[in-house]
Amino acid sequence: ASERTFRSYTMGWFRQTPGKERDIVAY
């Protein structure tokens, strides 16, 4: 990621399969 993100940003991981919405994995 770009600098100066982790202090005030929430960082998340999502996953997606064909034909489906992106679902939360973790943040």
mmCIF file of all heavy atoms, coordinates in Angstrom:
data_MODEL
# 
_entry.id   MODEL 
# 
loop_
_atom_site.group_PDB 
_atom_site.id 
_atom_site.type_symbol 
_atom_site.label_atom_id 
_atom_site.label_alt_id 
_atom_site.label_comp_id 
_atom_site.label_asym_id 
_atom_site.label_entity_id 
_atom_site.label_seq_id 
_atom_site.pdbx_PDB_ins_code 
_atom_site.Cartn_x 
_atom_site.Cartn_y 
_atom_site.Cartn_z 
_atom_site.occupancy 
_atom_site.B_iso_or_equiv 
_atom_site.pdbx_formal_charge 
_atom_site.auth_seq_id 
_atom_site.auth_comp_id 
_atom_site.auth_asym_id 
_atom_site.auth_atom_id 
_atom_site.pdbx_PDB_model_num 
ATOM 1   N N   . ALA A 1 1  ? 0.816   -1.203  0.000   1.00 0.00 ? 1  ALA A N   1 
ATOM 2   C CA  . ALA A 1 1  ? 0.000   0.000   0.000   1.00 0.00 ? 1  ALA A CA  1 
ATOM 3   C C   . ALA A 1 1  ? 0.854   1.259   0.000   1.00 0.00 ? 1  ALA A C   1 
ATOM 4   O O   . ALA A 1 1  ? 2.041   1.223   0.321   1.00 0.00 ? 1  ALA A O   1 
ATOM 5   C CB  . ALA A 1 1  ? -0.925  0.015   1.217   1.00 0.00 ? 1  ALA A CB  1 
ATOM 6   N N   . SER A 1 2  ? 0.225   2.364   -0.353  1.00 0.00 ? 2  SER A N   1 
ATOM 7   C CA  . SER A 1 2  ? 0.881   3.662   -0.274  1.00 0.00 ? 2  SER A CA  1 
ATOM 8   C C   . SER A 1 2  ? 1.229   3.978   1.172   1.00 0.00 ? 2  SER A C   1 
ATOM 9   O O   . SER A 1 2  ? 0.636   3.450   2.106   1.00 0.00 ? 2  SER A O   1 
ATOM 10  C CB  . SER A 1 2  ? -0.020  4.757   -0.843  1.00 0.00 ? 2  SER A CB  1 
ATOM 11  O OG  . SER A 1 2  ? -0.369  4.492   -2.191  1.00 0.00 ? 2  SER A OG  1 
ATOM 12  N N   . GLU A 1 3  ? 2.179   4.846   1.343   1.00 0.00 ? 3  GLU A N   1 
ATOM 13  C CA  . GLU A 1 3  ? 2.589   5.254   2.677   1.00 0.00 ? 3  GLU A CA  1 
ATOM 14  C C   . GLU A 1 3  ? 1.476   6.010   3.395   1.00 0.00 ? 3  GLU A C   1 
ATOM 15  O O   . GLU A 1 3  ? 0.545   6.524   2.779   1.00 0.00 ? 3  GLU A O   1 
ATOM 16  C CB  . GLU A 1 3  ? 3.842   6.124   2.596   1.00 0.00 ? 3  GLU A CB  1 
ATOM 17  C CG  . GLU A 1 3  ? 5.063   5.395   2.085   1.00 0.00 ? 3  GLU A CG  1 
ATOM 18  C CD  . GLU A 1 3  ? 6.309   6.250   2.110   1.00 0.00 ? 3  GLU A CD  1 
ATOM 19  O OE1 . GLU A 1 3  ? 6.313   7.308   2.775   1.00 0.00 ? 3  GLU A OE1 1 
ATOM 20  O OE2 . GLU A 1 3  ? 7.296   5.862   1.466   1.00 0.00 ? 3  GLU A OE2 1 
ATOM 21  N N   . ARG A 1 4  ? 1.580   6.032   4.730   1.00 0.00 ? 4  ARG A N   1 
ATOM 22  C CA  . ARG A 1 4  ? 0.656   6.763   5.597   1.00 0.00 ? 4  ARG A CA  1 
ATOM 23  C C   . ARG A 1 4  ? -0.777  6.276   5.478   1.00 0.00 ? 4  ARG A C   1 
ATOM 24  O O   . ARG A 1 4  ? -1.717  7.061   5.403   1.00 0.00 ? 4  ARG A O   1 
ATOM 25  C CB  . ARG A 1 4  ? 0.737   8.268   5.329   1.00 0.00 ? 4  ARG A CB  1 
ATOM 26  C CG  . ARG A 1 4  ? 2.122   8.848   5.534   1.00 0.00 ? 4  ARG A CG  1 
ATOM 27  C CD  . ARG A 1 4  ? 2.123   10.350  5.331   1.00 0.00 ? 4  ARG A CD  1 
ATOM 28  N NE  . ARG A 1 4  ? 1.726   10.724  3.987   1.00 0.00 ? 4  ARG A NE  1 
ATOM 29  C CZ  . ARG A 1 4  ? 2.533   10.744  2.935   1.00 0.00 ? 4  ARG A CZ  1 
ATOM 30  N NH1 . ARG A 1 4  ? 3.813   10.417  3.082   1.00 0.00 ? 4  ARG A NH1 1 
ATOM 31  N NH2 . ARG A 1 4  ? 2.078   11.100  1.742   1.00 0.00 ? 4  ARG A NH2 1 
ATOM 32  N N   . THR A 1 5  ? -0.944  4.969   5.459   1.00 0.00 ? 5  THR A N   1 
ATOM 33  C CA  . THR A 1 5  ? -2.277  4.387   5.397   1.00 0.00 ? 5  THR A CA  1 
ATOM 34  C C   . THR A 1 5  ? -2.663  3.665   6.676   1.00 0.00 ? 5  THR A C   1 
ATOM 35  O O   . THR A 1 5  ? -3.810  3.749   7.116   1.00 0.00 ? 5  THR A O   1 
ATOM 36  C CB  . THR A 1 5  ? -2.395  3.403   4.226   1.00 0.00 ? 5  THR A CB  1 
ATOM 37  O OG1 . THR A 1 5  ? -1.391  2.393   4.345   1.00 0.00 ? 5  THR A OG1 1 
ATOM 38  C CG2 . THR A 1 5  ? -2.235  4.120   2.892   1.00 0.00 ? 5  THR A CG2 1 
ATOM 39  N N   . PHE A 1 6  ? -1.733  2.984   7.297   1.00 0.00 ? 6  PHE A N   1 
ATOM 40  C CA  . PHE A 1 6  ? -2.069  2.074   8.374   1.00 0.00 ? 6  PHE A CA  1 
ATOM 41  C C   . PHE A 1 6  ? -2.427  2.759   9.692   1.00 0.00 ? 6  PHE A C   1 
ATOM 42  O O   . PHE A 1 6  ? -3.075  2.143   10.543  1.00 0.00 ? 6  PHE A O   1 
ATOM 43  C CB  . PHE A 1 6  ? -0.927  1.088   8.607   1.00 0.00 ? 6  PHE A CB  1 
ATOM 44  C CG  . PHE A 1 6  ? -0.696  0.156   7.460   1.00 0.00 ? 6  PHE A CG  1 
ATOM 45  C CD1 . PHE A 1 6  ? 0.535   -0.460  7.300   1.00 0.00 ? 6  PHE A CD1 1 
ATOM 46  C CD2 . PHE A 1 6  ? -1.703  -0.125  6.551   1.00 0.00 ? 6  PHE A CD2 1 
ATOM 47  C CE1 . PHE A 1 6  ? 0.757   -1.330  6.246   1.00 0.00 ? 6  PHE A CE1 1 
ATOM 48  C CE2 . PHE A 1 6  ? -1.497  -0.982  5.491   1.00 0.00 ? 6  PHE A CE2 1 
ATOM 49  C CZ  . PHE A 1 6  ? -0.260  -1.591  5.342   1.00 0.00 ? 6  PHE A CZ  1 
ATOM 50  N N   . ARG A 1 7  ? -2.029  4.001   9.881   1.00 0.00 ? 7  ARG A N   1 
ATOM 51  C CA  . ARG A 1 7  ? -2.335  4.683   11.132  1.00 0.00 ? 7  ARG A CA  1 
ATOM 52  C C   . ARG A 1 7  ? -3.816  5.011   11.262  1.00 0.00 ? 7  ARG A C   1 
ATOM 53  O O   . ARG A 1 7  ? -4.378  4.926   12.355  1.00 0.00 ? 7  ARG A O   1 
ATOM 54  C CB  . ARG A 1 7  ? -1.513  5.963   11.267  1.00 0.00 ? 7  ARG A CB  1 
ATOM 55  C CG  . ARG A 1 7  ? -0.055  5.742   11.621  1.00 0.00 ? 7  ARG A CG  1 
ATOM 56  C CD  . ARG A 1 7  ? 0.644   7.060   11.883  1.00 0.00 ? 7  ARG A CD  1 
ATOM 57  N NE  . ARG A 1 7  ? 2.038   6.889   12.263  1.00 0.00 ? 7  ARG A NE  1 
ATOM 58  C CZ  . ARG A 1 7  ? 2.856   7.875   12.583  1.00 0.00 ? 7  ARG A CZ  1 
ATOM 59  N NH1 . ARG A 1 7  ? 2.415   9.127   12.571  1.00 0.00 ? 7  ARG A NH1 1 
ATOM 60  N NH2 . ARG A 1 7  ? 4.109   7.625   12.915  1.00 0.00 ? 7  ARG A NH2 1 
ATOM 61  N N   . SER A 1 8  ? -4.440  5.378   10.180  1.00 0.00 ? 8  SER A N   1 
ATOM 62  C CA  . SER A 1 8  ? -5.818  5.833   10.234  1.00 0.00 ? 8  SER A CA  1 
ATOM 63  C C   . SER A 1 8  ? -6.766  5.075   9.308   1.00 0.00 ? 8  SER A C   1 
ATOM 64  O O   . SER A 1 8  ? -7.971  5.328   9.332   1.00 0.00 ? 8  SER A O   1 
ATOM 65  C CB  . SER A 1 8  ? -5.895  7.324   9.902   1.00 0.00 ? 8  SER A CB  1 
ATOM 66  O OG  . SER A 1 8  ? -5.349  7.592   8.622   1.00 0.00 ? 8  SER A OG  1 
ATOM 67  N N   . TYR A 1 9  ? -6.259  4.148   8.514   1.00 0.00 ? 9  TYR A N   1 
ATOM 68  C CA  . TYR A 1 9  ? -7.079  3.398   7.563   1.00 0.00 ? 9  TYR A CA  1 
ATOM 69  C C   . TYR A 1 9  ? -7.415  2.017   8.099   1.00 0.00 ? 9  TYR A C   1 
ATOM 70  O O   . TYR A 1 9  ? -6.631  1.398   8.819   1.00 0.00 ? 9  TYR A O   1 
ATOM 71  C CB  . TYR A 1 9  ? -6.356  3.244   6.229   1.00 0.00 ? 9  TYR A CB  1 
ATOM 72  C CG  . TYR A 1 9  ? -6.377  4.467   5.344   1.00 0.00 ? 9  TYR A CG  1 
ATOM 73  C CD1 . TYR A 1 9  ? -5.809  5.662   5.751   1.00 0.00 ? 9  TYR A CD1 1 
ATOM 74  C CD2 . TYR A 1 9  ? -6.951  4.405   4.079   1.00 0.00 ? 9  TYR A CD2 1 
ATOM 75  C CE1 . TYR A 1 9  ? -5.823  6.775   4.937   1.00 0.00 ? 9  TYR A CE1 1 
ATOM 76  C CE2 . TYR A 1 9  ? -6.962  5.513   3.252   1.00 0.00 ? 9  TYR A CE2 1 
ATOM 77  C CZ  . TYR A 1 9  ? -6.397  6.692   3.684   1.00 0.00 ? 9  TYR A CZ  1 
ATOM 78  O OH  . TYR A 1 9  ? -6.398  7.793   2.855   1.00 0.00 ? 9  TYR A OH  1 
ATOM 79  N N   . THR A 1 10 ? -8.581  1.537   7.722   1.00 0.00 ? 10 THR A N   1 
ATOM 80  C CA  . THR A 1 10 ? -8.930  0.144   7.891   1.00 0.00 ? 10 THR A CA  1 
ATOM 81  C C   . THR A 1 10 ? -8.506  -0.617  6.635   1.00 0.00 ? 10 THR A C   1 
ATOM 82  O O   . THR A 1 10 ? -8.792  -0.188  5.522   1.00 0.00 ? 10 THR A O   1 
ATOM 83  C CB  . THR A 1 10 ? -10.433 -0.023  8.114   1.00 0.00 ? 10 THR A CB  1 
ATOM 84  O OG1 . THR A 1 10 ? -10.809 0.669   9.310   1.00 0.00 ? 10 THR A OG1 1 
ATOM 85  C CG2 . THR A 1 10 ? -10.807 -1.487  8.243   1.00 0.00 ? 10 THR A CG2 1 
ATOM 86  N N   . MET A 1 11 ? -7.810  -1.736  6.819   1.00 0.00 ? 11 MET A N   1 
ATOM 87  C CA  . MET A 1 11 ? -7.350  -2.551  5.704   1.00 0.00 ? 11 MET A CA  1 
ATOM 88  C C   . MET A 1 11 ? -8.090  -3.880  5.723   1.00 0.00 ? 11 MET A C   1 
ATOM 89  O O   . MET A 1 11 ? -8.136  -4.546  6.759   1.00 0.00 ? 11 MET A O   1 
ATOM 90  C CB  . MET A 1 11 ? -5.842  -2.788  5.793   1.00 0.00 ? 11 MET A CB  1 
ATOM 91  C CG  . MET A 1 11 ? -5.010  -1.518  5.860   1.00 0.00 ? 11 MET A CG  1 
ATOM 92  S SD  . MET A 1 11 ? -5.141  -0.510  4.353   1.00 0.00 ? 11 MET A SD  1 
ATOM 93  C CE  . MET A 1 11 ? -4.426  -1.627  3.141   1.00 0.00 ? 11 MET A CE  1 
ATOM 94  N N   . GLY A 1 12 ? -8.652  -4.253  4.581   1.00 0.00 ? 12 GLY A N   1 
ATOM 95  C CA  . GLY A 1 12 ? -9.449  -5.457  4.515   1.00 0.00 ? 12 GLY A CA  1 
ATOM 96  C C   . GLY A 1 12 ? -9.080  -6.365  3.368   1.00 0.00 ? 12 GLY A C   1 
ATOM 97  O O   . GLY A 1 12 ? -8.458  -5.947  2.391   1.00 0.00 ? 12 GLY A O   1 
ATOM 98  N N   . TRP A 1 13 ? -9.465  -7.632  3.505   1.00 0.00 ? 13 TRP A N   1 
ATOM 99  C CA  . TRP A 1 13 ? -9.363  -8.618  2.446   1.00 0.00 ? 13 TRP A CA  1 
ATOM 100 C C   . TRP A 1 13 ? -10.760 -9.124  2.111   1.00 0.00 ? 13 TRP A C   1 
ATOM 101 O O   . TRP A 1 13 ? -11.520 -9.487  3.010   1.00 0.00 ? 13 TRP A O   1 
ATOM 102 C CB  . TRP A 1 13 ? -8.479  -9.796  2.838   1.00 0.00 ? 13 TRP A CB  1 
ATOM 103 C CG  . TRP A 1 13 ? -7.011  -9.500  2.858   1.00 0.00 ? 13 TRP A CG  1 
ATOM 104 C CD1 . TRP A 1 13 ? -6.251  -9.171  3.932   1.00 0.00 ? 13 TRP A CD1 1 
ATOM 105 C CD2 . TRP A 1 13 ? -6.133  -9.524  1.728   1.00 0.00 ? 13 TRP A CD2 1 
ATOM 106 N NE1 . TRP A 1 13 ? -4.949  -8.983  3.550   1.00 0.00 ? 13 TRP A NE1 1 
ATOM 107 C CE2 . TRP A 1 13 ? -4.838  -9.192  2.208   1.00 0.00 ? 13 TRP A CE2 1 
ATOM 108 C CE3 . TRP A 1 13 ? -6.295  -9.793  0.374   1.00 0.00 ? 13 TRP A CE3 1 
ATOM 109 C CZ2 . TRP A 1 13 ? -3.728  -9.126  1.363   1.00 0.00 ? 13 TRP A CZ2 1 
ATOM 110 C CZ3 . TRP A 1 13 ? -5.190  -9.715  -0.460  1.00 0.00 ? 13 TRP A CZ3 1 
ATOM 111 C CH2 . TRP A 1 13 ? -3.926  -9.385  0.040   1.00 0.00 ? 13 TRP A CH2 1 
ATOM 112 N N   . PHE A 1 14 ? -11.074 -9.139  0.822   1.00 0.00 ? 14 PHE A N   1 
ATOM 113 C CA  . PHE A 1 14 ? -12.321 -9.685  0.305   1.00 0.00 ? 14 PHE A CA  1 
ATOM 114 C C   . PHE A 1 14 ? -11.999 -10.782 -0.696  1.00 0.00 ? 14 PHE A C   1 
ATOM 115 O O   . PHE A 1 14 ? -10.880 -10.877 -1.193  1.00 0.00 ? 14 PHE A O   1 
ATOM 116 C CB  . PHE A 1 14 ? -13.161 -8.604  -0.389  1.00 0.00 ? 14 PHE A CB  1 
ATOM 117 C CG  . PHE A 1 14 ? -13.811 -7.629  0.544   1.00 0.00 ? 14 PHE A CG  1 
ATOM 118 C CD1 . PHE A 1 14 ? -13.060 -6.645  1.169   1.00 0.00 ? 14 PHE A CD1 1 
ATOM 119 C CD2 . PHE A 1 14 ? -15.173 -7.686  0.790   1.00 0.00 ? 14 PHE A CD2 1 
ATOM 120 C CE1 . PHE A 1 14 ? -13.657 -5.736  2.024   1.00 0.00 ? 14 PHE A CE1 1 
ATOM 121 C CE2 . PHE A 1 14 ? -15.784 -6.781  1.638   1.00 0.00 ? 14 PHE A CE2 1 
ATOM 122 C CZ  . PHE A 1 14 ? -15.024 -5.807  2.257   1.00 0.00 ? 14 PHE A CZ  1 
ATOM 123 N N   . ARG A 1 15 ? -13.000 -11.610 -1.014  1.00 0.00 ? 15 ARG A N   1 
ATOM 124 C CA  . ARG A 1 15 ? -12.830 -12.608 -2.059  1.00 0.00 ? 15 ARG A CA  1 
ATOM 125 C C   . ARG A 1 15 ? -14.104 -12.714 -2.886  1.00 0.00 ? 15 ARG A C   1 
ATOM 126 O O   . ARG A 1 15 ? -15.201 -12.457 -2.404  1.00 0.00 ? 15 ARG A O   1 
ATOM 127 C CB  . ARG A 1 15 ? -12.423 -13.964 -1.493  1.00 0.00 ? 15 ARG A CB  1 
ATOM 128 C CG  . ARG A 1 15 ? -13.446 -14.628 -0.584  1.00 0.00 ? 15 ARG A CG  1 
ATOM 129 C CD  . ARG A 1 15 ? -12.833 -15.882 0.029   1.00 0.00 ? 15 ARG A CD  1 
ATOM 130 N NE  . ARG A 1 15 ? -13.771 -16.590 0.893   1.00 0.00 ? 15 ARG A NE  1 
ATOM 131 C CZ  . ARG A 1 15 ? -13.451 -17.640 1.631   1.00 0.00 ? 15 ARG A CZ  1 
ATOM 132 N NH1 . ARG A 1 15 ? -12.199 -18.116 1.618   1.00 0.00 ? 15 ARG A NH1 1 
ATOM 133 N NH2 . ARG A 1 15 ? -14.366 -18.235 2.388   1.00 0.00 ? 15 ARG A NH2 1 
ATOM 134 N N   . GLN A 1 16 ? -13.935 -13.132 -4.143  1.00 0.00 ? 16 GLN A N   1 
ATOM 135 C CA  . GLN A 1 16 ? -15.051 -13.175 -5.073  1.00 0.00 ? 16 GLN A CA  1 
ATOM 136 C C   . GLN A 1 16 ? -14.886 -14.326 -6.056  1.00 0.00 ? 16 GLN A C   1 
ATOM 137 O O   . GLN A 1 16 ? -13.803 -14.541 -6.588  1.00 0.00 ? 16 GLN A O   1 
ATOM 138 C CB  . GLN A 1 16 ? -15.149 -11.852 -5.845  1.00 0.00 ? 16 GLN A CB  1 
ATOM 139 C CG  . GLN A 1 16 ? -16.342 -11.737 -6.765  1.00 0.00 ? 16 GLN A CG  1 
ATOM 140 C CD  . GLN A 1 16 ? -16.453 -10.351 -7.377  1.00 0.00 ? 16 GLN A CD  1 
ATOM 141 O OE1 . GLN A 1 16 ? -15.460 -9.645  -7.519  1.00 0.00 ? 16 GLN A OE1 1 
ATOM 142 N NE2 . GLN A 1 16 ? -17.668 -9.952  -7.722  1.00 0.00 ? 16 GLN A NE2 1 
ATOM 143 N N   . THR A 1 17 ? -15.977 -15.051 -6.295  1.00 0.00 ? 17 THR A N   1 
ATOM 144 C CA  . THR A 1 17 ? -16.035 -16.097 -7.306  1.00 0.00 ? 17 THR A CA  1 
ATOM 145 C C   . THR A 1 17 ? -16.954 -15.634 -8.423  1.00 0.00 ? 17 THR A C   1 
ATOM 146 O O   . THR A 1 17 ? -17.789 -14.742 -8.222  1.00 0.00 ? 17 THR A O   1 
ATOM 147 C CB  . THR A 1 17 ? -16.528 -17.424 -6.720  1.00 0.00 ? 17 THR A CB  1 
ATOM 148 O OG1 . THR A 1 17 ? -17.796 -17.220 -6.080  1.00 0.00 ? 17 THR A OG1 1 
ATOM 149 C CG2 . THR A 1 17 ? -15.548 -17.964 -5.690  1.00 0.00 ? 17 THR A CG2 1 
ATOM 150 N N   . PRO A 1 18 ? -16.852 -16.218 -9.625  1.00 0.00 ? 18 PRO A N   1 
ATOM 151 C CA  . PRO A 1 18 ? -17.658 -15.758 -10.756 1.00 0.00 ? 18 PRO A CA  1 
ATOM 152 C C   . PRO A 1 18 ? -19.155 -15.762 -10.462 1.00 0.00 ? 18 PRO A C   1 
ATOM 153 O O   . PRO A 1 18 ? -19.692 -16.733 -9.923  1.00 0.00 ? 18 PRO A O   1 
ATOM 154 C CB  . PRO A 1 18 ? -17.313 -16.757 -11.859 1.00 0.00 ? 18 PRO A CB  1 
ATOM 155 C CG  . PRO A 1 18 ? -15.922 -17.192 -11.534 1.00 0.00 ? 18 PRO A CG  1 
ATOM 156 C CD  . PRO A 1 18 ? -15.886 -17.255 -10.035 1.00 0.00 ? 18 PRO A CD  1 
ATOM 157 N N   . GLY A 1 19 ? -19.822 -14.653 -10.799 1.00 0.00 ? 19 GLY A N   1 
ATOM 158 C CA  . GLY A 1 19 ? -21.253 -14.544 -10.623 1.00 0.00 ? 19 GLY A CA  1 
ATOM 159 C C   . GLY A 1 19 ? -21.710 -14.210 -9.221  1.00 0.00 ? 19 GLY A C   1 
ATOM 160 O O   . GLY A 1 19 ? -22.918 -14.136 -8.972  1.00 0.00 ? 19 GLY A O   1 
ATOM 161 N N   . LYS A 1 20 ? -20.778 -14.001 -8.299  1.00 0.00 ? 20 LYS A N   1 
ATOM 162 C CA  . LYS A 1 20 ? -21.137 -13.708 -6.923  1.00 0.00 ? 20 LYS A CA  1 
ATOM 163 C C   . LYS A 1 20 ? -20.526 -12.386 -6.476  1.00 0.00 ? 20 LYS A C   1 
ATOM 164 O O   . LYS A 1 20 ? -19.595 -11.869 -7.087  1.00 0.00 ? 20 LYS A O   1 
ATOM 165 C CB  . LYS A 1 20 ? -20.670 -14.833 -5.996  1.00 0.00 ? 20 LYS A CB  1 
ATOM 166 C CG  . LYS A 1 20 ? -21.316 -16.184 -6.289  1.00 0.00 ? 20 LYS A CG  1 
ATOM 167 C CD  . LYS A 1 20 ? -20.845 -17.239 -5.317  1.00 0.00 ? 20 LYS A CD  1 
ATOM 168 C CE  . LYS A 1 20 ? -21.500 -18.576 -5.593  1.00 0.00 ? 20 LYS A CE  1 
ATOM 169 N NZ  . LYS A 1 20 ? -21.036 -19.618 -4.649  1.00 0.00 ? 20 LYS A NZ  1 
ATOM 170 N N   . GLU A 1 21 ? -21.073 -11.840 -5.398  1.00 0.00 ? 21 GLU A N   1 
ATOM 171 C CA  . GLU A 1 21 ? -20.567 -10.593 -4.836  1.00 0.00 ? 21 GLU A CA  1 
ATOM 172 C C   . GLU A 1 21 ? -19.275 -10.838 -4.071  1.00 0.00 ? 21 GLU A C   1 
ATOM 173 O O   . GLU A 1 21 ? -18.979 -11.960 -3.666  1.00 0.00 ? 21 GLU A O   1 
ATOM 174 C CB  . GLU A 1 21 ? -21.603 -9.957  -3.909  1.00 0.00 ? 21 GLU A CB  1 
ATOM 175 C CG  . GLU A 1 21 ? -22.881 -9.528  -4.599  1.00 0.00 ? 21 GLU A CG  1 
ATOM 176 C CD  . GLU A 1 21 ? -23.848 -8.855  -3.650  1.00 0.00 ? 21 GLU A CD  1 
ATOM 177 O OE1 . GLU A 1 21 ? -23.613 -8.893  -2.423  1.00 0.00 ? 21 GLU A OE1 1 
ATOM 178 O OE2 . GLU A 1 21 ? -24.833 -8.273  -4.123  1.00 0.00 ? 21 GLU A OE2 1 
ATOM 179 N N   . ARG A 1 22 ? -18.528 -9.768  -3.882  1.00 0.00 ? 22 ARG A N   1 
ATOM 180 C CA  . ARG A 1 22 ? -17.342 -9.844  -3.053  1.00 0.00 ? 22 ARG A CA  1 
ATOM 181 C C   . ARG A 1 22 ? -17.730 -9.952  -1.585  1.00 0.00 ? 22 ARG A C   1 
ATOM 182 O O   . ARG A 1 22 ? -18.537 -9.169  -1.088  1.00 0.00 ? 22 ARG A O   1 
ATOM 183 C CB  . ARG A 1 22 ? -16.462 -8.610  -3.265  1.00 0.00 ? 22 ARG A CB  1 
ATOM 184 C CG  . ARG A 1 22 ? -15.840 -8.533  -4.627  1.00 0.00 ? 22 ARG A CG  1 
ATOM 185 C CD  . ARG A 1 22 ? -14.894 -7.363  -4.759  1.00 0.00 ? 22 ARG A CD  1 
ATOM 186 N NE  . ARG A 1 22 ? -14.449 -7.218  -6.144  1.00 0.00 ? 22 ARG A NE  1 
ATOM 187 C CZ  . ARG A 1 22 ? -13.574 -6.318  -6.560  1.00 0.00 ? 22 ARG A CZ  1 
ATOM 188 N NH1 . ARG A 1 22 ? -13.035 -5.462  -5.702  1.00 0.00 ? 22 ARG A NH1 1 
ATOM 189 N NH2 . ARG A 1 22 ? -13.235 -6.260  -7.839  1.00 0.00 ? 22 ARG A NH2 1 
ATOM 190 N N   . ASP A 1 23 ? -17.141 -10.916 -0.895  1.00 0.00 ? 23 ASP A N   1 
ATOM 191 C CA  . ASP A 1 23 ? -17.447 -11.160 0.504   1.00 0.00 ? 23 ASP A CA  1 
ATOM 192 C C   . ASP A 1 23 ? -16.242 -10.850 1.377   1.00 0.00 ? 23 ASP A C   1 
ATOM 193 O O   . ASP A 1 23 ? -15.098 -11.104 0.997   1.00 0.00 ? 23 ASP A O   1 
ATOM 194 C CB  . ASP A 1 23 ? -17.861 -12.618 0.729   1.00 0.00 ? 23 ASP A CB  1 
ATOM 195 C CG  . ASP A 1 23 ? -19.176 -12.967 0.067   1.00 0.00 ? 23 ASP A CG  1 
ATOM 196 O OD1 . ASP A 1 23 ? -20.066 -12.099 0.004   1.00 0.00 ? 23 ASP A OD1 1 
ATOM 197 O OD2 . ASP A 1 23 ? -19.330 -14.116 -0.389  1.00 0.00 ? 23 ASP A OD2 1 
ATOM 198 N N   . ILE A 1 24 ? -16.526 -10.333 2.568   1.00 0.00 ? 24 ILE A N   1 
ATOM 199 C CA  . ILE A 1 24 ? -15.464 -10.027 3.516   1.00 0.00 ? 24 ILE A CA  1 
ATOM 200 C C   . ILE A 1 24 ? -14.761 -11.293 3.952   1.00 0.00 ? 24 ILE A C   1 
ATOM 201 O O   . ILE A 1 24 ? -15.393 -12.327 4.191   1.00 0.00 ? 24 ILE A O   1 
ATOM 202 C CB  . ILE A 1 24 ? -16.031 -9.260  4.740   1.00 0.00 ? 24 ILE A CB  1 
ATOM 203 C CG1 . ILE A 1 24 ? -14.908 -8.858  5.708   1.00 0.00 ? 24 ILE A CG1 1 
ATOM 204 C CG2 . ILE A 1 24 ? -17.080 -10.101 5.456   1.00 0.00 ? 24 ILE A CG2 1 
ATOM 205 C CD1 . ILE A 1 24 ? -13.977 -7.828  5.144   1.00 0.00 ? 24 ILE A CD1 1 
ATOM 206 N N   . VAL A 1 25 ? -13.451 -11.222 4.041   1.00 0.00 ? 25 VAL A N   1 
ATOM 207 C CA  . VAL A 1 25 ? -12.631 -12.289 4.603   1.00 0.00 ? 25 VAL A CA  1 
ATOM 208 C C   . VAL A 1 25 ? -12.107 -11.872 5.972   1.00 0.00 ? 25 VAL A C   1 
ATOM 209 O O   . VAL A 1 25 ? -12.252 -12.598 6.955   1.00 0.00 ? 25 VAL A O   1 
ATOM 210 C CB  . VAL A 1 25 ? -11.460 -12.648 3.675   1.00 0.00 ? 25 VAL A CB  1 
ATOM 211 C CG1 . VAL A 1 25 ? -10.560 -13.689 4.333   1.00 0.00 ? 25 VAL A CG1 1 
ATOM 212 C CG2 . VAL A 1 25 ? -11.976 -13.154 2.336   1.00 0.00 ? 25 VAL A CG2 1 
ATOM 213 N N   . ALA A 1 26 ? -11.494 -10.691 6.032   1.00 0.00 ? 26 ALA A N   1 
ATOM 214 C CA  . ALA A 1 26 ? -10.931 -10.183 7.277   1.00 0.00 ? 26 ALA A CA  1 
ATOM 215 C C   . ALA A 1 26 ? -10.621 -8.709  7.121   1.00 0.00 ? 26 ALA A C   1 
ATOM 216 O O   . ALA A 1 26 ? -10.447 -8.221  6.014   1.00 0.00 ? 26 ALA A O   1 
ATOM 217 C CB  . ALA A 1 26 ? -9.656  -10.943 7.658   1.00 0.00 ? 26 ALA A CB  1 
ATOM 218 N N   . TYR A 1 27 ? -10.550 -8.000  8.241   1.00 0.00 ? 27 TYR A N   1 
ATOM 219 C CA  . TYR A 1 27 ? -10.030 -6.643  8.223   1.00 0.00 ? 27 TYR A CA  1 
ATOM 220 C C   . TYR A 1 27 ? -9.268  -6.353  9.506   1.00 0.00 ? 27 TYR A C   1 
ATOM 221 O O   . TYR A 1 27 ? -9.447  -7.041  10.517  1.00 0.00 ? 27 TYR A O   1 
ATOM 222 C CB  . TYR A 1 27 ? -11.116 -5.584  7.967   1.00 0.00 ? 27 TYR A CB  1 
ATOM 223 C CG  . TYR A 1 27 ? -12.119 -5.322  9.073   1.00 0.00 ? 27 TYR A CG  1 
ATOM 224 C CD1 . TYR A 1 27 ? -11.744 -4.706  10.268  1.00 0.00 ? 27 TYR A CD1 1 
ATOM 225 C CD2 . TYR A 1 27 ? -13.467 -5.638  8.898   1.00 0.00 ? 27 TYR A CD2 1 
ATOM 226 C CE1 . TYR A 1 27 ? -12.673 -4.445  11.266  1.00 0.00 ? 27 TYR A CE1 1 
ATOM 227 C CE2 . TYR A 1 27 ? -14.398 -5.374  9.879   1.00 0.00 ? 27 TYR A CE2 1 
ATOM 228 C CZ  . TYR A 1 27 ? -13.995 -4.770  11.063  1.00 0.00 ? 27 TYR A CZ  1 
ATOM 229 O OH  . TYR A 1 27 ? -14.924 -4.504  12.043  1.00 0.00 ? 27 TYR A OH  1 
# 
